Every structure is written in C-alpha cells, then in structure tokens.
Amino acid sequence: MTIPILKTYHFEDLKVGMRETIMKTVMDSDVVGFAQISGDDNPLHLSDVYASKTRFGQRIAHGLYTASLISAILGTRLPGPGAVYMSQTLNFKGPVRIGDVVVVDVEVIELVEKGRRCRLHCECSVDGQVVLEGEATVMVPSRPQAA
C-alpha cells in the first residue's frame, strides 16, 4: 500500500461527504507480520494445510488486519495526523484472502462541534463485495490560532 503524502484536516476544514479511498494488495508477509505483532497465531491465517480444510479453502487475513487499513486512512488522509480514535464498530461480511486487493473507503457522515468529533462510515471491499463495514468516531484537532 502506498499512501501519498499526508493530508491534515483540522476540524474546521471537514465537511459531511468528504471521502478518501486507498487500495492494498494483501501479501503473505502482511498476514505473517500481523500474526507476529498481534500474537494471533490461528492456523486459519498461517497454515495452508489447516486452512485448506476449512470452509474458506485457503488461508485468510485476520479480520483486524483488514480493519487496520481503515486506521491508515484516518491517521494519514482523512482527517489525518492528529486524529485520535474514540470508537470503531466492525461488521465482518466476508473473508479477505492473500492476494486480494482490498479497497478501503472512508466518508465523513457527521461532525459534532462539542469535543470536535467526526463520525465516519468505513467500508472495505474485495472485487466489489463488501467484506467489512462499520463506523469510526475520531477526535480532530482544531486549527491553531494565529498569533
């Protein structure tokens, strides 16, 4: 995944309907690395032999790996650096396999001035099929006051 230069929006810059999208090809090294970082060594993610006997027929990425791609947008593109996660709902709709291209789309759906909260609809899809959807709430910094 290549995320272009950072975008930083202050709360005052945001508008309902703003959106960002990234695409990421899921690599074997991503899944193995996520297992190492998270400690989730479920053989469904790491063992070809085990996974071949499951309903998926092959290894799949961790659900939270897919969800972490949402964080990539929130922290670097919309709203960007300085945004702080407050909450995230996740509804898993389908598997993500190694080699899949995940399209991650995030859209501003509500702005709450008190506490500078931004609510965003988050969706991940593979080949046009939604594999993960939910909502995130982040706290967004205000524009610095001119001296």
N, C-alpha and C. Protein backbone atom coordinates (compact mmCIF):
# COMPACT_ATOMS: atom_id res chain seq x y z
N MET A 1 0.86 -1.16 0.00
CA MET A 1 0.00 0.00 0.00
C MET A 1 0.91 1.22 0.00
N THR A 2 0.67 2.08 -0.92
CA THR A 2 1.37 3.35 -0.96
C THR A 2 0.36 4.43 -0.66
N ILE A 3 0.59 5.11 0.43
CA ILE A 3 -0.29 6.22 0.79
C ILE A 3 0.45 7.49 0.40
N PRO A 4 -0.16 8.29 -0.48
CA PRO A 4 0.51 9.53 -0.89
C PRO A 4 0.79 10.44 0.31
N ILE A 5 1.38 11.56 0.03
CA ILE A 5 1.75 12.48 1.09
C ILE A 5 0.61 12.67 2.08
N LEU A 6 0.97 12.95 3.30
CA LEU A 6 -0.01 13.12 4.35
C LEU A 6 -0.92 14.30 4.05
N LYS A 7 -2.19 14.14 4.40
CA LYS A 7 -3.15 15.24 4.35
C LYS A 7 -3.55 15.51 5.79
N THR A 8 -3.61 16.77 6.16
CA THR A 8 -4.04 17.11 7.51
C THR A 8 -5.23 18.05 7.42
N TYR A 9 -6.35 17.58 7.95
CA TYR A 9 -7.53 18.42 8.05
C TYR A 9 -7.74 18.76 9.51
N HIS A 10 -8.03 20.02 9.76
CA HIS A 10 -8.46 20.42 11.09
C HIS A 10 -9.98 20.28 11.13
N PHE A 11 -10.55 20.27 12.32
CA PHE A 11 -11.99 20.10 12.44
C PHE A 11 -12.74 21.10 11.56
N GLU A 12 -12.26 22.32 11.52
CA GLU A 12 -12.94 23.38 10.77
C GLU A 12 -12.91 23.16 9.25
N ASP A 13 -12.01 22.30 8.78
CA ASP A 13 -11.87 22.01 7.34
C ASP A 13 -12.82 20.92 6.86
N LEU A 14 -13.33 20.13 7.78
CA LEU A 14 -14.11 18.95 7.41
C LEU A 14 -15.53 19.30 7.00
N LYS A 15 -16.05 18.52 6.07
CA LYS A 15 -17.43 18.67 5.61
C LYS A 15 -18.03 17.27 5.46
N VAL A 16 -19.31 17.14 5.79
CA VAL A 16 -20.01 15.88 5.57
C VAL A 16 -19.92 15.55 4.07
N GLY A 17 -19.62 14.31 3.78
CA GLY A 17 -19.49 13.87 2.40
C GLY A 17 -18.05 13.74 1.92
N MET A 18 -17.11 14.34 2.65
CA MET A 18 -15.70 14.17 2.26
C MET A 18 -15.34 12.69 2.37
N ARG A 19 -14.50 12.22 1.43
CA ARG A 19 -14.13 10.80 1.47
C ARG A 19 -12.72 10.60 0.95
N GLU A 20 -12.15 9.48 1.37
CA GLU A 20 -10.84 9.03 0.91
C GLU A 20 -10.92 7.54 0.65
N THR A 21 -10.15 7.09 -0.32
CA THR A 21 -10.09 5.67 -0.68
C THR A 21 -8.63 5.28 -0.89
N ILE A 22 -8.27 4.09 -0.40
CA ILE A 22 -6.97 3.51 -0.70
C ILE A 22 -7.19 2.07 -1.14
N MET A 23 -6.20 1.52 -1.81
CA MET A 23 -6.23 0.11 -2.21
C MET A 23 -4.98 -0.56 -1.68
N LYS A 24 -5.13 -1.80 -1.23
CA LYS A 24 -4.00 -2.55 -0.67
C LYS A 24 -4.10 -3.99 -1.11
N THR A 25 -3.04 -4.52 -1.72
CA THR A 25 -2.96 -5.95 -2.03
C THR A 25 -2.44 -6.66 -0.78
N VAL A 26 -3.18 -7.64 -0.30
CA VAL A 26 -2.81 -8.36 0.91
C VAL A 26 -1.74 -9.39 0.56
N MET A 27 -0.60 -9.26 1.18
CA MET A 27 0.54 -10.14 0.93
C MET A 27 0.70 -11.14 2.07
N ASP A 28 1.32 -12.26 1.76
CA ASP A 28 1.63 -13.26 2.79
C ASP A 28 2.41 -12.61 3.93
N SER A 29 3.35 -11.76 3.61
CA SER A 29 4.17 -11.11 4.64
C SER A 29 3.33 -10.21 5.55
N ASP A 30 2.25 -9.63 5.00
CA ASP A 30 1.35 -8.82 5.83
C ASP A 30 0.67 -9.69 6.89
N VAL A 31 0.18 -10.85 6.46
CA VAL A 31 -0.55 -11.74 7.36
C VAL A 31 0.40 -12.31 8.42
N VAL A 32 1.57 -12.74 7.99
CA VAL A 32 2.55 -13.28 8.95
C VAL A 32 2.99 -12.18 9.92
N GLY A 33 3.24 -10.99 9.40
CA GLY A 33 3.65 -9.88 10.26
C GLY A 33 2.58 -9.49 11.25
N PHE A 34 1.32 -9.49 10.80
CA PHE A 34 0.23 -9.15 11.71
C PHE A 34 0.12 -10.21 12.81
N ALA A 35 0.30 -11.47 12.45
CA ALA A 35 0.27 -12.54 13.46
C ALA A 35 1.37 -12.33 14.49
N GLN A 36 2.55 -11.96 14.03
CA GLN A 36 3.66 -11.72 14.96
C GLN A 36 3.38 -10.55 15.89
N ILE A 37 2.85 -9.47 15.34
CA ILE A 37 2.58 -8.28 16.15
C ILE A 37 1.43 -8.52 17.12
N SER A 38 0.37 -9.17 16.65
CA SER A 38 -0.84 -9.33 17.47
C SER A 38 -0.78 -10.54 18.39
N GLY A 39 0.04 -11.51 18.04
CA GLY A 39 0.06 -12.76 18.81
C GLY A 39 -1.03 -13.73 18.39
N ASP A 40 -1.81 -13.39 17.36
CA ASP A 40 -2.88 -14.25 16.87
C ASP A 40 -2.30 -15.23 15.85
N ASP A 41 -1.94 -16.41 16.34
CA ASP A 41 -1.32 -17.44 15.51
C ASP A 41 -2.33 -18.48 15.04
N ASN A 42 -3.58 -18.10 14.90
CA ASN A 42 -4.61 -19.01 14.42
C ASN A 42 -4.14 -19.64 13.11
N PRO A 43 -4.14 -20.96 13.01
CA PRO A 43 -3.66 -21.61 11.79
C PRO A 43 -4.51 -21.27 10.56
N LEU A 44 -5.70 -20.77 10.75
CA LEU A 44 -6.51 -20.32 9.62
C LEU A 44 -5.78 -19.23 8.83
N HIS A 45 -4.91 -18.48 9.54
CA HIS A 45 -4.16 -17.40 8.91
C HIS A 45 -2.76 -17.83 8.47
N LEU A 46 -2.22 -18.88 9.10
CA LEU A 46 -0.81 -19.19 8.91
C LEU A 46 -0.50 -20.56 8.30
N SER A 47 -1.43 -21.47 8.31
CA SER A 47 -1.16 -22.84 7.84
C SER A 47 -1.99 -23.17 6.60
N ASP A 48 -1.30 -23.39 5.48
CA ASP A 48 -2.00 -23.77 4.24
C ASP A 48 -2.76 -25.08 4.43
N VAL A 49 -2.13 -26.04 5.12
CA VAL A 49 -2.76 -27.36 5.31
C VAL A 49 -4.03 -27.23 6.14
N TYR A 50 -3.94 -26.54 7.26
CA TYR A 50 -5.11 -26.35 8.10
C TYR A 50 -6.21 -25.59 7.36
N ALA A 51 -5.84 -24.47 6.77
CA ALA A 51 -6.83 -23.60 6.12
C ALA A 51 -7.51 -24.28 4.94
N SER A 52 -6.80 -25.19 4.27
CA SER A 52 -7.39 -25.88 3.11
C SER A 52 -8.57 -26.75 3.52
N LYS A 53 -8.66 -27.11 4.79
CA LYS A 53 -9.74 -27.98 5.29
C LYS A 53 -10.91 -27.18 5.87
N THR A 54 -10.82 -25.86 5.80
CA THR A 54 -11.89 -25.01 6.33
C THR A 54 -12.85 -24.61 5.21
N ARG A 55 -13.92 -23.96 5.57
CA ARG A 55 -14.89 -23.51 4.58
C ARG A 55 -14.32 -22.48 3.62
N PHE A 56 -13.18 -21.87 3.98
CA PHE A 56 -12.55 -20.88 3.11
C PHE A 56 -11.64 -21.53 2.06
N GLY A 57 -11.16 -22.73 2.34
CA GLY A 57 -10.34 -23.46 1.39
C GLY A 57 -8.91 -22.99 1.28
N GLN A 58 -8.59 -21.91 1.93
CA GLN A 58 -7.23 -21.37 1.92
C GLN A 58 -7.08 -20.39 3.06
N ARG A 59 -5.84 -19.96 3.31
CA ARG A 59 -5.57 -19.00 4.38
C ARG A 59 -6.28 -17.68 4.11
N ILE A 60 -6.71 -17.05 5.18
CA ILE A 60 -7.32 -15.72 5.08
C ILE A 60 -6.60 -14.76 6.02
N ALA A 61 -6.73 -13.49 5.72
CA ALA A 61 -6.15 -12.45 6.57
C ALA A 61 -6.97 -12.32 7.85
N HIS A 62 -6.33 -11.88 8.90
CA HIS A 62 -7.01 -11.57 10.15
C HIS A 62 -8.03 -10.46 9.89
N GLY A 63 -9.19 -10.57 10.51
CA GLY A 63 -10.19 -9.53 10.37
C GLY A 63 -9.68 -8.18 10.84
N LEU A 64 -8.92 -8.18 11.93
CA LEU A 64 -8.42 -6.91 12.45
C LEU A 64 -7.29 -6.35 11.59
N TYR A 65 -6.64 -7.19 10.81
CA TYR A 65 -5.68 -6.67 9.82
C TYR A 65 -6.45 -5.81 8.81
N THR A 66 -7.54 -6.36 8.30
CA THR A 66 -8.35 -5.61 7.34
C THR A 66 -8.84 -4.31 7.98
N ALA A 67 -9.30 -4.39 9.22
CA ALA A 67 -9.77 -3.19 9.93
C ALA A 67 -8.65 -2.18 10.10
N SER A 68 -7.43 -2.65 10.25
CA SER A 68 -6.31 -1.71 10.45
C SER A 68 -6.06 -0.85 9.22
N LEU A 69 -6.53 -1.30 8.06
CA LEU A 69 -6.38 -0.48 6.86
C LEU A 69 -7.24 0.78 6.95
N ILE A 70 -8.33 0.70 7.70
CA ILE A 70 -9.15 1.89 7.96
C ILE A 70 -8.32 2.91 8.73
N SER A 71 -7.59 2.43 9.72
CA SER A 71 -6.75 3.30 10.53
C SER A 71 -5.72 4.03 9.68
N ALA A 72 -5.25 3.38 8.61
CA ALA A 72 -4.27 4.02 7.73
C ALA A 72 -4.85 5.29 7.11
N ILE A 73 -6.11 5.23 6.71
CA ILE A 73 -6.75 6.43 6.15
C ILE A 73 -6.95 7.48 7.24
N LEU A 74 -7.52 7.06 8.37
CA LEU A 74 -7.84 8.02 9.43
C LEU A 74 -6.61 8.76 9.93
N GLY A 75 -5.50 8.08 10.02
CA GLY A 75 -4.29 8.68 10.58
C GLY A 75 -3.43 9.43 9.58
N THR A 76 -3.70 9.23 8.28
CA THR A 76 -2.82 9.86 7.29
C THR A 76 -3.53 10.68 6.23
N ARG A 77 -4.84 10.49 6.04
CA ARG A 77 -5.53 11.13 4.92
C ARG A 77 -6.81 11.87 5.31
N LEU A 78 -7.65 11.24 6.12
CA LEU A 78 -8.94 11.85 6.47
C LEU A 78 -9.35 11.36 7.85
N PRO A 79 -9.24 12.16 8.87
CA PRO A 79 -8.81 13.54 8.91
C PRO A 79 -7.30 13.73 8.81
N GLY A 80 -6.51 12.70 9.15
CA GLY A 80 -5.06 12.80 9.02
C GLY A 80 -4.36 12.93 10.37
N PRO A 81 -3.07 13.30 10.32
CA PRO A 81 -2.27 13.39 11.54
C PRO A 81 -2.96 14.22 12.62
N GLY A 82 -2.90 13.70 13.83
CA GLY A 82 -3.52 14.37 14.96
C GLY A 82 -4.89 13.82 15.31
N ALA A 83 -5.52 13.09 14.39
CA ALA A 83 -6.81 12.47 14.69
C ALA A 83 -6.61 11.37 15.73
N VAL A 84 -7.53 11.30 16.68
CA VAL A 84 -7.44 10.31 17.75
C VAL A 84 -8.70 9.45 17.73
N TYR A 85 -8.51 8.13 17.59
CA TYR A 85 -9.63 7.19 17.60
C TYR A 85 -10.39 7.28 18.91
N MET A 86 -11.70 7.36 18.83
CA MET A 86 -12.56 7.32 20.00
C MET A 86 -13.33 5.99 20.04
N SER A 87 -13.79 5.54 18.86
CA SER A 87 -14.51 4.27 18.79
C SER A 87 -14.54 3.77 17.35
N GLN A 88 -14.82 2.48 17.21
CA GLN A 88 -14.93 1.85 15.90
C GLN A 88 -15.87 0.67 16.01
N THR A 89 -16.87 0.59 15.13
CA THR A 89 -17.68 -0.62 15.02
C THR A 89 -17.21 -1.36 13.78
N LEU A 90 -17.28 -2.69 13.85
CA LEU A 90 -16.83 -3.53 12.74
C LEU A 90 -17.84 -4.63 12.51
N ASN A 91 -18.31 -4.74 11.28
CA ASN A 91 -19.19 -5.83 10.88
C ASN A 91 -18.51 -6.58 9.74
N PHE A 92 -18.06 -7.79 10.04
CA PHE A 92 -17.34 -8.58 9.06
C PHE A 92 -18.33 -9.32 8.18
N LYS A 93 -18.19 -9.15 6.86
CA LYS A 93 -19.14 -9.69 5.89
C LYS A 93 -18.56 -10.82 5.04
N GLY A 94 -17.25 -10.91 4.97
CA GLY A 94 -16.64 -11.94 4.13
C GLY A 94 -15.14 -12.00 4.34
N PRO A 95 -14.52 -13.06 3.85
CA PRO A 95 -13.08 -13.24 4.06
C PRO A 95 -12.24 -12.38 3.12
N VAL A 96 -11.03 -12.13 3.55
CA VAL A 96 -10.01 -11.49 2.71
C VAL A 96 -8.88 -12.50 2.59
N ARG A 97 -8.59 -12.88 1.35
CA ARG A 97 -7.57 -13.89 1.09
C ARG A 97 -6.25 -13.22 0.70
N ILE A 98 -5.18 -13.96 0.89
CA ILE A 98 -3.87 -13.48 0.46
C ILE A 98 -3.93 -13.28 -1.06
N GLY A 99 -3.47 -12.13 -1.50
CA GLY A 99 -3.52 -11.77 -2.91
C GLY A 99 -4.70 -10.89 -3.27
N ASP A 100 -5.71 -10.83 -2.40
CA ASP A 100 -6.86 -9.96 -2.66
C ASP A 100 -6.43 -8.49 -2.63
N VAL A 101 -7.10 -7.70 -3.46
CA VAL A 101 -6.92 -6.24 -3.40
C VAL A 101 -8.10 -5.69 -2.61
N VAL A 102 -7.79 -5.10 -1.47
CA VAL A 102 -8.82 -4.52 -0.60
C VAL A 102 -8.94 -3.04 -0.94
N VAL A 103 -10.16 -2.61 -1.20
CA VAL A 103 -10.45 -1.19 -1.43
C VAL A 103 -11.07 -0.67 -0.13
N VAL A 104 -10.45 0.31 0.45
CA VAL A 104 -10.89 0.87 1.72
C VAL A 104 -11.43 2.27 1.46
N ASP A 105 -12.67 2.49 1.86
CA ASP A 105 -13.34 3.76 1.61
C ASP A 105 -13.86 4.30 2.93
N VAL A 106 -13.56 5.57 3.21
CA VAL A 106 -13.99 6.22 4.45
C VAL A 106 -14.67 7.53 4.06
N GLU A 107 -15.84 7.80 4.66
CA GLU A 107 -16.59 9.01 4.36
C GLU A 107 -17.07 9.68 5.63
N VAL A 108 -16.91 10.99 5.71
CA VAL A 108 -17.41 11.78 6.83
C VAL A 108 -18.93 11.80 6.77
N ILE A 109 -19.59 11.34 7.86
CA ILE A 109 -21.05 11.32 7.87
C ILE A 109 -21.65 12.24 8.93
N GLU A 110 -20.84 12.69 9.88
CA GLU A 110 -21.36 13.61 10.90
C GLU A 110 -20.20 14.35 11.55
N LEU A 111 -20.44 15.61 11.85
CA LEU A 111 -19.48 16.44 12.58
C LEU A 111 -20.16 16.98 13.82
N VAL A 112 -19.53 16.81 14.97
CA VAL A 112 -20.08 17.28 16.24
C VAL A 112 -19.08 18.27 16.83
N GLU A 113 -19.50 19.52 16.90
CA GLU A 113 -18.58 20.56 17.38
C GLU A 113 -18.09 20.31 18.80
N LYS A 114 -19.01 19.88 19.69
CA LYS A 114 -18.60 19.63 21.07
C LYS A 114 -17.60 18.46 21.07
N GLY A 115 -16.39 18.75 21.48
CA GLY A 115 -15.34 17.74 21.52
C GLY A 115 -14.68 17.49 20.18
N ARG A 116 -15.08 18.26 19.15
CA ARG A 116 -14.50 18.13 17.80
C ARG A 116 -14.49 16.67 17.34
N ARG A 117 -15.68 16.09 17.35
CA ARG A 117 -15.82 14.69 16.95
C ARG A 117 -16.24 14.60 15.49
N CYS A 118 -15.70 13.62 14.82
CA CYS A 118 -16.03 13.33 13.43
C CYS A 118 -16.43 11.87 13.35
N ARG A 119 -17.63 11.62 12.82
CA ARG A 119 -18.10 10.24 12.64
C ARG A 119 -17.96 9.89 11.16
N LEU A 120 -17.41 8.70 10.89
CA LEU A 120 -17.11 8.30 9.53
C LEU A 120 -17.67 6.91 9.23
N HIS A 121 -18.23 6.75 8.05
CA HIS A 121 -18.62 5.42 7.56
C HIS A 121 -17.38 4.80 6.96
N CYS A 122 -17.12 3.53 7.30
CA CYS A 122 -15.92 2.84 6.86
C CYS A 122 -16.32 1.55 6.15
N GLU A 123 -15.72 1.31 5.00
CA GLU A 123 -16.08 0.13 4.23
C GLU A 123 -14.85 -0.43 3.54
N CYS A 124 -14.70 -1.75 3.59
CA CYS A 124 -13.65 -2.45 2.87
C CYS A 124 -14.32 -3.43 1.92
N SER A 125 -13.83 -3.48 0.69
CA SER A 125 -14.41 -4.40 -0.28
C SER A 125 -13.32 -5.10 -1.08
N VAL A 126 -13.69 -6.26 -1.61
CA VAL A 126 -12.82 -7.04 -2.48
C VAL A 126 -13.66 -7.41 -3.70
N ASP A 127 -13.17 -7.08 -4.88
CA ASP A 127 -13.91 -7.37 -6.12
C ASP A 127 -15.36 -6.89 -6.06
N GLY A 128 -15.56 -5.71 -5.49
CA GLY A 128 -16.89 -5.13 -5.42
C GLY A 128 -17.79 -5.69 -4.34
N GLN A 129 -17.32 -6.65 -3.58
CA GLN A 129 -18.10 -7.24 -2.48
C GLN A 129 -17.62 -6.65 -1.15
N VAL A 130 -18.55 -6.16 -0.35
CA VAL A 130 -18.19 -5.61 0.96
C VAL A 130 -17.77 -6.75 1.88
N VAL A 131 -16.57 -6.63 2.44
CA VAL A 131 -16.06 -7.63 3.37
C VAL A 131 -16.03 -7.12 4.81
N LEU A 132 -16.12 -5.80 4.97
CA LEU A 132 -16.10 -5.19 6.29
C LEU A 132 -16.75 -3.82 6.21
N GLU A 133 -17.63 -3.53 7.16
CA GLU A 133 -18.20 -2.19 7.23
C GLU A 133 -18.39 -1.81 8.68
N GLY A 134 -18.43 -0.52 8.91
CA GLY A 134 -18.64 -0.03 10.27
C GLY A 134 -18.55 1.47 10.31
N GLU A 135 -18.45 1.98 11.53
CA GLU A 135 -18.33 3.42 11.74
C GLU A 135 -17.21 3.69 12.72
N ALA A 136 -16.52 4.78 12.48
CA ALA A 136 -15.47 5.23 13.39
C ALA A 136 -15.83 6.62 13.89
N THR A 137 -15.44 6.91 15.11
CA THR A 137 -15.52 8.26 15.64
C THR A 137 -14.11 8.65 16.05
N VAL A 138 -13.69 9.81 15.56
CA VAL A 138 -12.37 10.32 15.91
C VAL A 138 -12.50 11.74 16.43
N MET A 139 -11.55 12.12 17.27
CA MET A 139 -11.43 13.49 17.73
C MET A 139 -10.42 14.17 16.83
N VAL A 140 -10.76 15.36 16.35
CA VAL A 140 -9.93 16.05 15.36
C VAL A 140 -9.44 17.37 15.94
N PRO A 141 -8.15 17.65 15.80
CA PRO A 141 -7.64 18.92 16.32
C PRO A 141 -8.25 20.12 15.62
N SER A 142 -8.35 21.22 16.36
CA SER A 142 -8.78 22.49 15.79
C SER A 142 -7.61 23.15 15.08
N ARG A 143 -7.95 24.06 14.20
CA ARG A 143 -6.91 24.86 13.53
C ARG A 143 -6.20 25.70 14.59
N PRO A 144 -4.87 25.75 14.55
CA PRO A 144 -4.15 26.58 15.53
C PRO A 144 -4.53 28.06 15.38
N GLN A 145 -4.62 28.73 16.49
CA GLN A 145 -4.97 30.16 16.48
C GLN A 145 -3.76 30.97 15.99
N ALA A 146 -4.03 31.97 15.15
CA ALA A 146 -2.95 32.84 14.67
C ALA A 146 -2.44 33.68 15.83
N ALA A 147 -1.14 33.88 15.84
CA ALA A 147 -0.51 34.65 16.94
C ALA A 147 -0.73 36.11 16.82
